[in-house]
C-alpha atoms as a PDB file:
ATOM      1  CA  MET A   1       3.554  22.592 -28.395  1.00  0.00           C
ATOM      2  CA  THR A   2       4.357  18.961 -27.568  1.00  0.00           C
ATOM      3  CA  ILE A   3       3.062  17.787 -24.192  1.00  0.00           C
ATOM      4  CA  PRO A   4       5.734  15.844 -22.236  1.00  0.00           C
ATOM      5  CA  PHE A   5       5.077  12.143 -21.826  1.00  0.00           C
ATOM      6  CA  GLN A   6       4.900  12.456 -18.018  1.00  0.00           C
ATOM      7  CA  ALA A   7       2.345  15.283 -18.262  1.00  0.00           C
ATOM      8  CA  ARG A   8       0.182  13.225 -20.632  1.00  0.00           C
ATOM      9  CA  TRP A   9       0.332  10.322 -18.156  1.00  0.00           C
ATOM     10  CA  ALA A  10      -0.742  12.635 -15.315  1.00  0.00           C
ATOM     11  CA  ARG A  11      -3.657  13.920 -17.382  1.00  0.00           C
ATOM     12  CA  GLY A  12      -4.720  10.353 -18.156  1.00  0.00           C
ATOM     13  CA  LEU A  13      -4.609   9.425 -14.455  1.00  0.00           C
ATOM     14  CA  ARG A  14      -6.857  12.338 -13.551  1.00  0.00           C
ATOM     15  CA  ALA A  15      -9.325  11.387 -16.287  1.00  0.00           C
ATOM     16  CA  ILE A  16      -9.499   7.754 -15.137  1.00  0.00           C
ATOM     17  CA  ALA A  17      -9.981   8.787 -11.506  1.00  0.00           C
ATOM     18  CA  ALA A  18     -12.776  11.211 -12.432  1.00  0.00           C
ATOM     19  CA  ALA A  19     -14.525   8.584 -14.568  1.00  0.00           C
ATOM     20  CA  SER A  20     -14.330   6.043 -11.738  1.00  0.00           C
ATOM     21  CA  LEU A  21     -15.905   8.413  -9.230  1.00  0.00           C
ATOM     22  CA  LEU A  22     -18.610   9.637 -11.589  1.00  0.00           C
ATOM     23  CA  SER A  23     -19.626   6.098 -12.496  1.00  0.00           C
ATOM     24  CA  SER A  24     -20.002   4.997  -8.874  1.00  0.00           C
ATOM     25  CA  ALA A  25     -23.532   4.584  -7.585  1.00  0.00           C
ATOM     26  CA  PRO A  26     -24.802   6.434  -4.500  1.00  0.00           C
ATOM     27  CA  ALA A  27     -24.425   4.628  -1.187  1.00  0.00           C
ATOM     28  CA  GLN A  28     -27.244   2.199  -0.596  1.00  0.00           C
ATOM     29  CA  ALA A  29     -29.502   2.985   2.316  1.00  0.00           C
ATOM     30  CA  GLY A  30     -29.246   0.616   5.235  1.00  0.00           C
ATOM     31  CA  ARG A  31     -25.621  -0.439   4.704  1.00  0.00           C
ATOM     32  CA  PRO A  32     -24.175  -1.926   7.925  1.00  0.00           C
ATOM     33  CA  LEU A  33     -21.915   0.502   9.773  1.00  0.00           C
ATOM     34  CA  ASP A  34     -19.047  -2.005   9.505  1.00  0.00           C
ATOM     35  CA  GLU A  35     -19.244  -1.582   5.718  1.00  0.00           C
ATOM     36  CA  VAL A  36     -19.106   2.221   5.933  1.00  0.00           C
ATOM     37  CA  LEU A  37     -16.469   2.784   8.628  1.00  0.00           C
ATOM     38  CA  GLU A  38     -13.460   0.675   9.591  1.00  0.00           C
ATOM     39  CA  LEU A  39     -11.290   1.254  12.671  1.00  0.00           C
ATOM     40  CA  HIS A  40      -7.905  -0.442  13.086  1.00  0.00           C
ATOM     41  CA  ALA A  41      -5.006  -0.484  15.531  1.00  0.00           C
ATOM     42  CA  ASN A  42      -1.698  -1.418  13.950  1.00  0.00           C
ATOM     43  CA  ALA A  43       1.957  -1.926  14.769  1.00  0.00           C
ATOM     44  CA  VAL A  44       5.154  -2.096  12.707  1.00  0.00           C
ATOM     45  CA  ILE A  45       8.068  -4.102  14.087  1.00  0.00           C
ATOM     46  CA  PRO A  46      11.173  -3.890  11.864  1.00  0.00           C
ATOM     47  CA  ALA A  47      13.699  -6.693  11.669  1.00  0.00           C
ATOM     48  CA  ALA A  48      16.566  -4.313  12.502  1.00  0.00           C
ATOM     49  CA  THR A  49      16.652  -0.680  13.523  1.00  0.00           C
ATOM     50  CA  LEU A  50      20.280  -0.006  14.465  1.00  0.00           C
ATOM     51  CA  SER A  51      23.464   0.384  12.416  1.00  0.00           C
ATOM     52  CA  GLY A  52      23.928  -2.192   9.671  1.00  0.00           C
ATOM     53  CA  ALA A  53      20.369  -2.393   8.395  1.00  0.00           C
ATOM     54  CA  ARG A  54      19.748   1.372   8.374  1.00  0.00           C
ATOM     55  CA  GLU A  55      23.192   2.853   7.612  1.00  0.00           C
ATOM     56  CA  GLU A  56      23.001   6.310   6.058  1.00  0.00           C
ATOM     57  CA  LEU A  57      20.102   5.479   3.740  1.00  0.00           C
ATOM     58  CA  GLY A  58      17.726   3.481   5.877  1.00  0.00           C
ATOM     59  CA  GLU A  59      14.399   2.131   4.718  1.00  0.00           C
ATOM     60  CA  ARG A  60      12.426   5.087   3.522  1.00  0.00           C
ATOM     61  CA  VAL A  61       9.341   4.785   5.699  1.00  0.00           C
ATOM     62  CA  TRP A  62       9.437   1.958   8.224  1.00  0.00           C
ATOM     63  CA  THR A  63      12.920   2.098   9.808  1.00  0.00           C
ATOM     64  CA  GLN A  64      11.754   2.042  13.426  1.00  0.00           C
ATOM     65  CA  PRO A  65       8.980   0.535  15.580  1.00  0.00           C
ATOM     66  CA  ALA A  66       5.683   2.340  15.132  1.00  0.00           C
ATOM     67  CA  LEU A  67       2.152   2.160  16.487  1.00  0.00           C
ATOM     68  CA  GLY A  68      -0.858   3.507  14.662  1.00  0.00           C
ATOM     69  CA  VAL A  69      -4.601   4.064  14.605  1.00  0.00           C
ATOM     70  CA  ARG A  70      -6.305   3.941  11.225  1.00  0.00           C
ATOM     71  CA  ALA A  71      -9.798   4.963  10.143  1.00  0.00           C
ATOM     72  CA  THR A  72     -11.268   4.166   6.731  1.00  0.00           C
ATOM     73  CA  VAL A  73     -14.541   5.570   5.402  1.00  0.00           C
ATOM     74  CA  HIS A  74     -16.323   4.002   2.408  1.00  0.00           C
ATOM     75  CA  PRO A  75     -18.604   6.784   1.050  1.00  0.00           C
ATOM     76  CA  VAL A  76     -19.904   4.456  -1.665  1.00  0.00           C
ATOM     77  CA  GLU A  77     -19.291   0.799  -2.294  1.00  0.00           C
ATOM     78  CA  HIS A  78     -15.727   0.082  -3.489  1.00  0.00           C
ATOM     79  CA  SER A  79     -14.507   3.586  -2.553  1.00  0.00           C
ATOM     80  CA  TYR A  80     -12.388   4.552   0.467  1.00  0.00           C
ATOM     81  CA  ILE A  81     -10.820   7.487   2.287  1.00  0.00           C
ATOM     82  CA  ARG A  82      -8.156   6.319   4.747  1.00  0.00           C
ATOM     83  CA  PHE A  83      -6.176   8.149   7.444  1.00  0.00           C
ATOM     84  CA  ASN A  84      -3.532   6.566   9.671  1.00  0.00           C
ATOM     85  CA  ALA A  85      -1.984   8.441  12.630  1.00  0.00           C
ATOM     86  CA  LEU A  86       1.396   7.094  13.790  1.00  0.00           C
ATOM     87  CA  PHE A  87       3.324   7.112  17.064  1.00  0.00           C
ATOM     88  CA  TYR A  88       6.994   6.139  17.514  1.00  0.00           C
ATOM     89  CA  PRO A  89       7.760   4.629  20.937  1.00  0.00           C
ATOM     90  CA  VAL A  90      11.543   5.023  20.400  1.00  0.00           C
ATOM     91  CA  PRO A  91      11.959   8.657  19.238  1.00  0.00           C
ATOM     92  CA  ALA A  92      15.743   8.308  18.882  1.00  0.00           C
ATOM     93  CA  LEU A  93      15.245   5.870  15.985  1.00  0.00           C
ATOM     94  CA  ARG A  94      12.960   8.184  14.076  1.00  0.00           C
ATOM     95  CA  GLU A  95      14.175   9.564  10.740  1.00  0.00           C
ATOM     96  CA  GLY A  96      13.266  12.779   8.918  1.00  0.00           C
ATOM     97  CA  TRP A  97      11.160  10.909   6.376  1.00  0.00           C
ATOM     98  CA  SER A  98       9.113   9.057   9.011  1.00  0.00           C
ATOM     99  CA  PRO A  99       5.529  10.378   8.787  1.00  0.00           C
ATOM    100  CA  ASP A 100       3.279  11.598  11.599  1.00  0.00           C
ATOM    101  CA  PHE A 101       0.365  10.419   9.476  1.00  0.00           C
ATOM    102  CA  VAL A 102      -0.381   8.865   6.106  1.00  0.00           C
ATOM    103  CA  TYR A 103      -3.505   9.091   3.991  1.00  0.00           C
ATOM    104  CA  ALA A 104      -5.028   7.430   0.954  1.00  0.00           C
ATOM    105  CA  LEU A 105      -8.170   7.544  -1.138  1.00  0.00           C
ATOM    106  CA  GLY A 106      -9.331   5.481  -4.034  1.00  0.00           C
ATOM    107  CA  TYR A 107     -11.982   3.554  -5.884  1.00  0.00           C
ATOM    108  CA  GLY A 108     -12.066   0.052  -7.302  1.00  0.00           C
ATOM    109  CA  ASP A 109     -13.591  -3.390  -6.950  1.00  0.00           C
ATOM    110  CA  TRP A 110     -11.192  -5.821  -5.208  1.00  0.00           C
ATOM    111  CA  ARG A 111     -12.338  -8.718  -7.403  1.00  0.00           C
ATOM    112  CA  PRO A 112     -10.452  -9.760 -10.583  1.00  0.00           C
ATOM    113  CA  TRP A 113     -11.220  -8.242 -13.978  1.00  0.00           C
ATOM    114  CA  ASN A 114     -11.805  -4.783 -12.509  1.00  0.00           C
ATOM    115  CA  ALA A 115      -9.853  -1.525 -12.736  1.00  0.00           C
ATOM    116  CA  PHE A 116      -8.952   0.608  -9.712  1.00  0.00           C
ATOM    117  CA  PHE A 117      -7.447   3.948  -8.737  1.00  0.00           C
ATOM    118  CA  ASP A 118      -5.494   4.883  -5.591  1.00  0.00           C
ATOM    119  CA  HIS A 119      -3.818   8.040  -4.304  1.00  0.00           C
ATOM    120  CA  SER A 120      -1.517   7.428  -1.307  1.00  0.00           C
ATOM    121  CA  ASN A 121       0.956   9.639   0.525  1.00  0.00           C
ATOM    122  CA  TYR A 122       3.591   8.034   2.779  1.00  0.00           C
ATOM    123  CA  THR A 123       6.082  10.934   2.917  1.00  0.00           C
ATOM    124  CA  GLY A 124       7.377  12.656   6.070  1.00  0.00           C
ATOM    125  CA  SER A 125       4.186  14.529   6.957  1.00  0.00           C
ATOM    126  CA  ARG A 126       4.154  16.590  10.183  1.00  0.00           C
ATOM    127  CA  TRP A 127       1.475  17.728  12.635  1.00  0.00           C
ATOM    128  CA  PRO A 128       1.250  21.554  12.879  1.00  0.00           C
ATOM    129  CA  TRP A 129       2.158  21.470  16.589  1.00  0.00           C
ATOM    130  CA  ARG A 130       5.347  19.450  16.144  1.00  0.00           C
ATOM    131  CA  GLU A 131       8.469  21.346  17.227  1.00  0.00           C
ATOM    132  CA  GLY A 132      11.774  21.247  15.401  1.00  0.00           C
ATOM    133  CA  THR A 133      10.404  20.624  11.905  1.00  0.00           C
ATOM    134  CA  PRO A 134       8.038  22.754   9.832  1.00  0.00           C
ATOM    135  CA  PRO A 135       4.511  21.409   9.318  1.00  0.00           C
ATOM    136  CA  ALA A 136       4.295  19.738   5.939  1.00  0.00           C
ATOM    137  CA  VAL A 137       2.167  17.339   3.946  1.00  0.00           C
ATOM    138  CA  HIS A 138       4.339  17.024   0.796  1.00  0.00           C
ATOM    139  CA  TRP A 139       1.190  16.450  -1.219  1.00  0.00           C
ATOM    140  CA  LYS A 140       3.070  16.588  -4.540  1.00  0.00           C
ATOM    141  CA  GLN A 141       4.942  13.423  -3.568  1.00  0.00           C
ATOM    142  CA  GLY A 142       1.719  11.484  -3.131  1.00  0.00           C
ATOM    143  CA  GLN A 143       1.612   8.539  -5.516  1.00  0.00           C
ATOM    144  CA  ASN A 144      -1.252   8.028  -7.953  1.00  0.00           C
ATOM    145  CA  THR A 145      -1.854   4.481  -9.120  1.00  0.00           C
ATOM    146  CA  VAL A 146      -4.165   3.049 -11.754  1.00  0.00           C
ATOM    147  CA  GLY A 147      -4.363  -0.687 -12.229  1.00  0.00           C
ATOM    148  CA  TYR A 148      -6.264  -3.695 -13.414  1.00  0.00           C
ATOM    149  CA  ARG A 149      -6.735  -6.885 -11.402  1.00  0.00           C
ATOM    150  CA  TYR A 150      -6.637 -10.289 -13.061  1.00  0.00           C
ATOM    151  CA  ALA A 151      -6.758 -13.976 -12.144  1.00  0.00           C
ATOM    152  CA  LEU A 152      -5.903 -17.283 -13.767  1.00  0.00           C
ATOM    153  CA  PRO A 153      -8.697 -18.400 -16.093  1.00  0.00           C
ATOM    154  CA  ASP A 154     -10.667 -21.414 -14.902  1.00  0.00           C
ATOM    155  CA  GLY A 155      -9.230 -23.489 -17.721  1.00  0.00           C
ATOM    156  CA  ALA A 156      -5.677 -22.729 -16.616  1.00  0.00           C
ATOM    157  CA  GLU A 157      -6.458 -23.704 -13.009  1.00  0.00           C
ATOM    158  CA  GLN A 158      -7.887 -27.020 -14.201  1.00  0.00           C
ATOM    159  CA  ALA A 159      -4.942 -27.650 -16.515  1.00  0.00           C
ATOM    160  CA  LEU A 160      -2.491 -27.003 -13.694  1.00  0.00           C
ATOM    161  CA  LYS A 161      -4.629 -29.137 -11.339  1.00  0.00           C
ATOM    162  CA  LEU A 162      -4.544 -26.475  -8.629  1.00  0.00           C
ATOM    163  CA  PRO A 163      -6.390 -27.180  -5.344  1.00  0.00           C
ATOM    164  CA  ALA A 164      -9.862 -25.686  -5.131  1.00  0.00           C
ATOM    165  CA  ASP A 165      -8.895 -23.540  -2.120  1.00  0.00           C
ATOM    166  CA  LEU A 166      -5.814 -22.059  -3.859  1.00  0.00           C
ATOM    167  CA  TRP A 167      -6.276 -18.731  -5.675  1.00  0.00           C
ATOM    168  CA  VAL A 168      -3.736 -17.240  -8.099  1.00  0.00           C
ATOM    169  CA  GLY A 169      -3.982 -13.732  -9.540  1.00  0.00           C
ATOM    170  CA  GLY A 170      -2.479 -10.298  -9.536  1.00  0.00           C
ATOM    171  CA  ALA A 171      -2.638  -6.734 -10.810  1.00  0.00           C
ATOM    172  CA  ILE A 172      -0.804  -4.663 -13.380  1.00  0.00           C
ATOM    173  CA  MET A 173      -0.312  -1.035 -12.367  1.00  0.00           C
ATOM    174  CA  GLY A 174       1.025   2.347 -13.427  1.00  0.00           C
ATOM    175  CA  HIS A 175       2.306   4.822 -10.815  1.00  0.00           C
ATOM    176  CA  TYR A 176       2.786   8.572 -11.096  1.00  0.00           C
ATOM    177  CA  ALA A 177       3.780  11.366  -8.701  1.00  0.00           C
ATOM    178  CA  LEU A 178       4.116  15.087  -9.383  1.00  0.00           C
ATOM    179  CA  ALA A 179       7.371  15.194  -7.415  1.00  0.00           C
ATOM    180  CA  TYR A 180       9.835  12.852  -5.721  1.00  0.00           C
ATOM    181  CA  GLY A 181      12.779  13.180  -3.378  1.00  0.00           C
ATOM    182  CA  LYS A 182      16.331  12.468  -4.523  1.00  0.00           C
ATOM    183  CA  LEU A 183      19.290  11.052  -2.638  1.00  0.00           C
ATOM    184  CA  ASP A 184      21.134  14.393  -2.902  1.00  0.00           C
ATOM    185  CA  GLY A 185      18.300  16.195  -1.083  1.00  0.00           C
ATOM    186  CA  THR A 186      16.806  17.882  -4.150  1.00  0.00           C
ATOM    187  CA  GLU A 187      13.378  17.247  -5.640  1.00  0.00           C
ATOM    188  CA  GLY A 188      12.602  15.769  -9.037  1.00  0.00           C
ATOM    189  CA  ALA A 189       9.409  16.068 -11.051  1.00  0.00           C
ATOM    190  CA  HIS A 190       6.989  13.628 -12.689  1.00  0.00           C
ATOM    191  CA  LEU A 191       8.004  10.267 -11.250  1.00  0.00           C
ATOM    192  CA  LEU A 192       6.747   7.394 -13.397  1.00  0.00           C
ATOM    193  CA  ALA A 193       6.858   3.641 -12.735  1.00  0.00           C
ATOM    194  CA  PHE A 194       5.022   0.470 -13.673  1.00  0.00           C
ATOM    195  CA  SER A 195       4.595  -2.707 -11.671  1.00  0.00           C
ATOM    196  CA  ASN A 196       3.037  -6.141 -11.757  1.00  0.00           C
ATOM    197  CA  THR A 197       1.895  -7.972  -8.630  1.00  0.00           C
ATOM    198  CA  PHE A 198       1.582 -11.744  -8.447  1.00  0.00           C
ATOM    199  CA  THR A 199      -0.468 -13.111  -5.532  1.00  0.00           C
ATOM    200  CA  VAL A 200      -1.126 -16.632  -4.267  1.00  0.00           C
ATOM    201  CA  SER A 201      -3.833 -17.090  -1.626  1.00  0.00           C
ATOM    202  CA  TRP A 202      -4.699 -20.303   0.198  1.00  0.00           C
ATOM    203  CA  ARG A 203      -8.041 -20.760   1.946  1.00  0.00           C
ATOM    204  CA  GLU A 204      -8.723 -17.007   1.571  1.00  0.00           C
ATOM    205  CA  HIS A 205      -6.468 -15.844   4.404  1.00  0.00           C
ATOM    206  CA  LEU A 206      -2.918 -17.179   3.974  1.00  0.00           C
ATOM    207  CA  PHE A 207      -1.130 -15.351   1.158  1.00  0.00           C
ATOM    208  CA  GLY A 208       2.160 -14.627  -0.550  1.00  0.00           C
ATOM    209  CA  GLU A 209       2.757 -11.655  -2.827  1.00  0.00           C
ATOM    210  CA  PHE A 210       5.584 -10.641  -5.162  1.00  0.00           C
ATOM    211  CA  ARG A 211       5.744  -7.346  -7.081  1.00  0.00           C
ATOM    212  CA  GLY A 212       8.227  -6.374  -9.779  1.00  0.00           C
ATOM    213  CA  TYR A 213       8.850  -2.741 -10.825  1.00  0.00           C
ATOM    214  CA  TRP A 214      10.013  -1.027 -14.005  1.00  0.00           C
ATOM    215  CA  TYR A 215      11.127   2.619 -14.183  1.00  0.00           C
ATOM    216  CA  PRO A 216      11.031   3.811 -17.810  1.00  0.00           C
ATOM    217  CA  ILE A 217      13.150   6.868 -16.885  1.00  0.00           C
ATOM    218  CA  ALA A 218      16.022   5.053 -15.200  1.00  0.00           C
ATOM    219  CA  GLU A 219      17.558   8.078 -13.459  1.00  0.00           C
ATOM    220  CA  GLN A 220      14.346   8.606 -11.468  1.00  0.00           C
ATOM    221  CA  GLN A 221      14.878   5.406  -9.464  1.00  0.00           C
ATOM    222  CA  GLN A 222      16.468   6.165  -6.077  1.00  0.00           C
ATOM    223  CA  ALA A 223      18.284   3.897  -3.612  1.00  0.00           C
ATOM    224  CA  TRP A 224      15.033   3.249  -1.727  1.00  0.00           C
ATOM    225  CA  ASP A 225      12.955   2.548  -4.856  1.00  0.00           C
ATOM    226  CA  PRO A 226      12.750  -1.249  -5.237  1.00  0.00           C
ATOM    227  CA  ASP A 227      13.217  -3.471  -8.236  1.00  0.00           C
ATOM    228  CA  TYR A 228      10.868  -5.837  -6.424  1.00  0.00           C
ATOM    229  CA  THR A 229       8.997  -6.252  -3.128  1.00  0.00           C
ATOM    230  CA  TRP A 230       7.523  -9.279  -1.407  1.00  0.00           C
ATOM    231  CA  SER A 231       5.132 -10.056   1.404  1.00  0.00           C
ATOM    232  CA  VAL A 232       3.719 -13.136   3.154  1.00  0.00           C
ATOM    233  CA  GLY A 233       1.104 -13.318   5.862  1.00  0.00           C
ATOM    234  CA  TRP A 234      -2.396 -13.929   7.171  1.00  0.00           C
ATOM    235  CA  MET A 235      -5.166 -11.540   6.142  1.00  0.00           C
ATOM    236  CA  ASP A 236      -8.618 -11.355   7.740  1.00  0.00           C
ATOM    237  CA  TRP A 237     -10.850  -8.490   6.602  1.00  0.00           C
ATOM    238  CA  ARG A 238     -13.720  -9.208   9.021  1.00  0.00           C
ATOM    239  CA  PRO A 239     -14.442  -7.239  12.250  1.00  0.00           C
ATOM    240  CA  TRP A 240     -12.756  -8.302  15.482  1.00  0.00           C
ATOM    241  CA  SER A 241      -9.925 -10.039  13.657  1.00  0.00           C
ATOM    242  CA  VAL A 242      -6.127  -9.892  13.517  1.00  0.00           C
ATOM    243  CA  SER A 243      -3.994  -9.778  10.372  1.00  0.00           C
ATOM    244  CA  ALA A 244      -0.217 -10.084  10.211  1.00  0.00           C
ATOM    245  CA  ARG A 245       2.316 -10.019   7.409  1.00  0.00           C
ATOM    246  CA  TRP A 246       6.047  -9.926   6.890  1.00  0.00           C
ATOM    247  CA  SER A 247       6.863  -7.400   4.157  1.00  0.00           C
ATOM    248  CA  ASN A 248       9.944  -6.016   2.481  1.00  0.00           C
ATOM    249  CA  TYR A 249       9.384  -2.728   0.657  1.00  0.00           C
ATOM    250  CA  ALA A 250      13.015  -1.509   0.637  1.00  0.00           C
ATOM    251  CA  GLY A 251      15.301  -0.894  -2.338  1.00  0.00           C
ATOM    252  CA  ASN A 252      15.824  -4.524  -3.343  1.00  0.00           C
ATOM    253  CA  ARG A 253      17.854  -5.119  -6.517  1.00  0.00           C
ATOM    254  CA  TRP A 254      17.701  -7.833  -9.148  1.00  0.00           C
ATOM    255  CA  ALA A 255      20.813 -10.029  -9.189  1.00  0.00           C
ATOM    256  CA  GLY A 256      23.551  -8.454 -11.301  1.00  0.00           C
ATOM    257  CA  ARG A 257      22.253  -4.877 -11.147  1.00  0.00           C
ATOM    258  CA  GLN A 258      24.863  -2.276 -10.250  1.00  0.00           C
ATOM    259  CA  LEU A 259      22.398   0.375  -9.065  1.00  0.00           C
ATOM    260  CA  GLU A 260      22.826   1.289  -5.398  1.00  0.00           C
ATOM    261  CA  GLY A 261      19.992   0.020  -3.202  1.00  0.00           C
ATOM    262  CA  ASN A 262      19.152  -0.275   0.482  1.00  0.00           C
ATOM    263  CA  GLY A 263      17.296  -3.568   0.264  1.00  0.00           C
ATOM    264  CA  GLY A 264      17.961  -6.860   1.975  1.00  0.00           C
ATOM    265  CA  PHE A 265      16.290  -9.261   4.363  1.00  0.00           C
ATOM    266  CA  GLY A 266      17.243  -7.095   7.370  1.00  0.00           C
ATOM    267  CA  THR A 267      15.133  -4.194   6.106  1.00  0.00           C
ATOM    268  CA  GLY A 268      11.862  -6.114   6.237  1.00  0.00           C
ATOM    269  CA  ALA A 269       9.242  -5.582   8.925  1.00  0.00           C
ATOM    270  CA  LEU A 270       6.373  -7.364  10.649  1.00  0.00           C
ATOM    271  CA  PHE A 271       3.039  -5.570  10.250  1.00  0.00           C
ATOM    272  CA  VAL A 272       0.262  -6.471  12.718  1.00  0.00           C
ATOM    273  CA  ASP A 273      -3.265  -5.121  12.397  1.00  0.00           C
ATOM    274  CA  PHE A 274      -6.351  -5.492  14.600  1.00  0.00           C
ATOM    275  CA  LYS A 275      -9.715  -4.589  13.107  1.00  0.00           C
ATOM    276  CA  PHE A 276     -12.449  -3.384  15.444  1.00  0.00           C
ATOM    277  CA  GLY A 277     -16.153  -3.834  14.794  1.00  0.00           C
ATOM    278  CA  PHE A 278     -19.418  -2.126  15.621  1.00  0.00           C
ATOM    279  CA  GLN A 279     -21.173  -5.394  16.407  1.00  0.00           C
ATOM    280  CA  SER A 280     -20.377  -7.252  19.588  1.00  0.00           C
ATOM    281  CA  PRO A 281     -17.586  -9.843  19.213  1.00  0.00           C
ATOM    282  CA  ALA A 282     -20.159 -12.625  19.672  1.00  0.00           C
ATOM    283  CA  ALA A 283     -22.351 -11.253  16.874  1.00  0.00           C
ATOM    284  CA  ALA A 284     -19.305 -10.813  14.651  1.00  0.00           C
ATOM    285  CA  ARG A 285     -18.270 -14.423  15.263  1.00  0.00           C
ATOM    286  CA  SER A 286     -21.775 -15.526  14.326  1.00  0.00           C
ATOM    287  CA  SER A 287     -21.498 -13.504  11.098  1.00  0.00           C
ATOM    288  CA  LYS A 288     -18.134 -15.152  10.369  1.00  0.00           C
ATOM    289  CA  GLU A 289     -19.678 -18.598  10.742  1.00  0.00           C
ATOM    290  CA  ARG A 290     -22.536 -17.712   8.406  1.00  0.00           C
ATOM    291  CA  THR A 291     -20.033 -16.292   5.909  1.00  0.00           C
ATOM    292  CA  ALA A 292     -17.932 -19.456   6.104  1.00  0.00           C
ATOM    293  CA  LEU A 293     -21.006 -21.548   5.340  1.00  0.00           C
END
């Protein structure tokens, strides 16, 4: 019996994820608590939330203002388990696909020339006590991603005469989900997509990112599935710091494509994140200065 291409891809994803976890070393004793547990407060402020930008399709996840609290645990170095609880201050703007919480787990070194794995679920999950909608996690619609990070070789940077504090790189990725929602309200199976991200970072914190997508099974792409996404912002990964970015994850379309999409500048959003720390702010600032040196 011939195994469908999508099923073979799913099997390969599981094998890569298992190999990544098995090859990881046990957590080193004495790791600082800030390296084991991260706590964040975050906010999402969309560019537009009323008629015109939303229409009948809307942006699949972030169509309304949202506040959140996120916790991330790193059981071993380069691994993470993340949970983000969300609150919507304007309930009237909330859509059926807006989640009560999102979760992710994965493993991979953030530096170039390393592979990584991520499982994330951003679907319309519900708390068990929520009235009006049945509790659900929609775990089958969680997206599994395997990828490989890369950077410009040193020779290319020298040939292009790039500034020393400018970094250029990216990641090539494959994405798979057991199930996916369709515009007609039904559910499809074995969603498959590939993407390539191109990132430019200046002085470590200021960045711009562009990601292009390809869907080998064209009919799987829905109005909210983008041809490309983009993001610009300021990223600070250290405790007691603020990060902010402007991102557009909606159904943007390449020029000339006839496929219906819900993308556009008005569907972008501002994401703001504050990272707490377990050291005092003064000690954290001292650590930042030592790191900068």
